[in-house]
């Protein structure tokens, strides 16, 4: 169980933060133009 939890954290968390960063980047481009 903990092995699966570790795998989920390794895969999901970086993608979550990357997607959030991309979302904020897109919002900033919309605001600037």
C-alpha atoms as a PDB file:
ATOM      1  CA  UNK A   1       0.000   0.000   0.000  1.00  0.00           C
ATOM      2  CA  UNK A   2       2.692   2.498   0.963  1.00  0.00           C
ATOM      3  CA  UNK A   3       4.607   1.589  -2.199  1.00  0.00           C
ATOM      4  CA  UNK A   4       1.586   2.576  -4.284  1.00  0.00           C
ATOM      5  CA  UNK A   5       1.134   5.760  -2.252  1.00  0.00           C
ATOM      6  CA  UNK A   6       4.773   6.644  -2.941  1.00  0.00           C
ATOM      7  CA  UNK A   7       4.270   6.025  -6.661  1.00  0.00           C
ATOM      8  CA  UNK A   8       1.160   8.217  -6.716  1.00  0.00           C
ATOM      9  CA  UNK A   9       3.037  11.001  -4.935  1.00  0.00           C
ATOM     10  CA  UNK A  10       6.018  10.755  -7.303  1.00  0.00           C
ATOM     11  CA  UNK A  11       3.782  10.908 -10.391  1.00  0.00           C
ATOM     12  CA  UNK A  12       0.927  13.135  -9.297  1.00  0.00           C
ATOM     13  CA  UNK A  13       2.543  15.859  -7.218  1.00  0.00           C
ATOM     14  CA  UNK A  14       5.089  17.096  -9.803  1.00  0.00           C
ATOM     15  CA  UNK A  15       2.387  17.082 -12.485  1.00  0.00           C
ATOM     16  CA  UNK A  16       0.015  18.951 -10.192  1.00  0.00           C
ATOM     17  CA  UNK A  17       2.515  21.710  -9.476  1.00  0.00           C
ATOM     18  CA  UNK A  18       3.627  21.831 -13.116  1.00  0.00           C
ATOM     19  CA  UNK A  19       0.032  22.169 -14.304  1.00  0.00           C
ATOM     20  CA  UNK A  20      -0.645  24.896 -11.746  1.00  0.00           C
ATOM     21  CA  UNK A  21       2.461  26.747 -12.893  1.00  0.00           C
ATOM     22  CA  UNK A  22       1.348  26.474 -16.517  1.00  0.00           C
ATOM     23  CA  UNK A  23      -2.120  27.719 -15.592  1.00  0.00           C
ATOM     24  CA  UNK A  24      -0.738  30.779 -13.824  1.00  0.00           C
ATOM     25  CA  UNK A  25       1.582  31.406 -16.760  1.00  0.00           C
ATOM     26  CA  UNK A  26      -1.365  31.356 -19.182  1.00  0.00           C
ATOM     27  CA  UNK A  27      -3.375  33.674 -16.926  1.00  0.00           C
ATOM     28  CA  UNK A  28      -0.483  36.127 -16.764  1.00  0.00           C
ATOM     29  CA  UNK A  29      -0.244  36.189 -20.563  1.00  0.00           C
ATOM     30  CA  UNK A  30      -3.970  36.954 -20.801  1.00  0.00           C
ATOM     31  CA  UNK A  31      -3.709  39.750 -18.243  1.00  0.00           C
ATOM     32  CA  UNK A  32      -0.704  41.373 -19.913  1.00  0.00           C
ATOM     33  CA  UNK A  33      -2.233  41.594 -23.388  1.00  0.00           C
END
